[in-house]
Amino acid sequence: MNLKKIIALTFAPAILLRCLVGCSKNGDTGNESITIVDMEGNNVTVSKNVKKIACISQSATDLMIAFGLGDKIVGTYRSFTYNKWAAEIYPNAANYKAYSYSVSAEELLADDIDLVIIQDTENAQSFRNAGIPVIAVHQYSPTGVFDDEVYDVARILGQLFPEVKSKADAWIKDVKDAISDIQTKCGTVNSENAVYYVNGEKSKGLYYSDGGNSMISRIYDVANVRLATEKYEVINVHKVSDEEMVDLNPYAMMIGGAYQNNLVDELNNSPVWSTLDCNTNNRVYRIPVCMVGIENVSAETPLMLKFTASLFNEYEFDLKTEMKSNIKKYFNYDLSDDDVTNMSQGLDKDGHRMV
């Protein structure tokens, strides 16, 4: 028997069962559906009675928990589980299954998943073929600058789950208010100062960065600095070589994610990176971690905007006070002073490295 027939026989019973249960909706209000447009422009029809979600996106996972939808999540992207603060702040996160972007449709069917929310959509069609609706979300814009798209995950969640729309709208207002406050106090000067961002959510080294259509680029725009790698596209995440870094010679560097302390060691041990002006002049900054690294689209986005603005402008920002307020507001968790100190250094609650 050939492979295609095996796959067809594997998926057919599950797809048929899904259609018998969920595709016939006439007169059954329990199986009403809603159609939304995801971040890739796809029309996605989803049952209004979604109970089990594979939320393979750190951003969407953070916002779902912040909006009170954490109990619908069966599993999340594996990098989310590296951050020990997630289960500390929201204990149920300890039970989340760790998915990779390349998770198979068979595994999702076995987990009885109703909906997939995912950043990397390379395997999305296989999920759809198995009868599982897929919503694409991103940390970048597929078409241009990441501007209004900052709010799309919250908007989508508010549409899917009307009971949390007011929370989603309040978060959107918080982000817009933070941007407005920064621009009012700091102006909108396009600085020539370039900042190099290291994405430390994965163990990919100092070379792993983002491009000009990304969330971090949008944050830097608000903070009046320029992303050093802005000419690159996020879709093909660029790995900057030693030679390119010497040419870029960034004014400052920001390192985020669970691997950030390992990456700081790597920087200091590199004969090339350690001699960059940003390092010799003490302008290498760790990005705080909360539920996720705060450079992601997340409940912590207002923190990241203000934190970054304070580094490169005359902008007053009390990280301790605002981080405590943010985490209490969105996750109902009380941070101690030591917690904030550890978060700001990329450490777990006990002051240890994440990984």
Foldseek 3Di string as FASTA:
>chain_A
DDPVVVVCVLLVVLQVVCCVPAVDCVPPLQRDWDWDQFLVRDTWIAGLNQQAEEEADLALCQACLLLPNNNSYQAYAQLLVLAPQQCVLPVCNVRHDHDHLPDALSVCVVVVGQEYEHADCPVVVRVVVSVHIYHYAHQFHPPAACDVSLLRSLVVVCRSHVVRNVVSVVLVVLLVVLLVVLCVVFNQAQDAAEEEEAEPSDPPARQFGAEQGGLLQVLCSSLNYGHLRHVDHRVPGTGDDLVNCVVSLGLAYEYEHLCRVVRVVVQCPDPRNCPRPRNVVVRYFYQFAHSTRCSGSHLNVSVSSQVSSVSRGVGDDDQQVVVQVSSCNRRVDGDDPQCSVLRRVSHHSVNHRSD
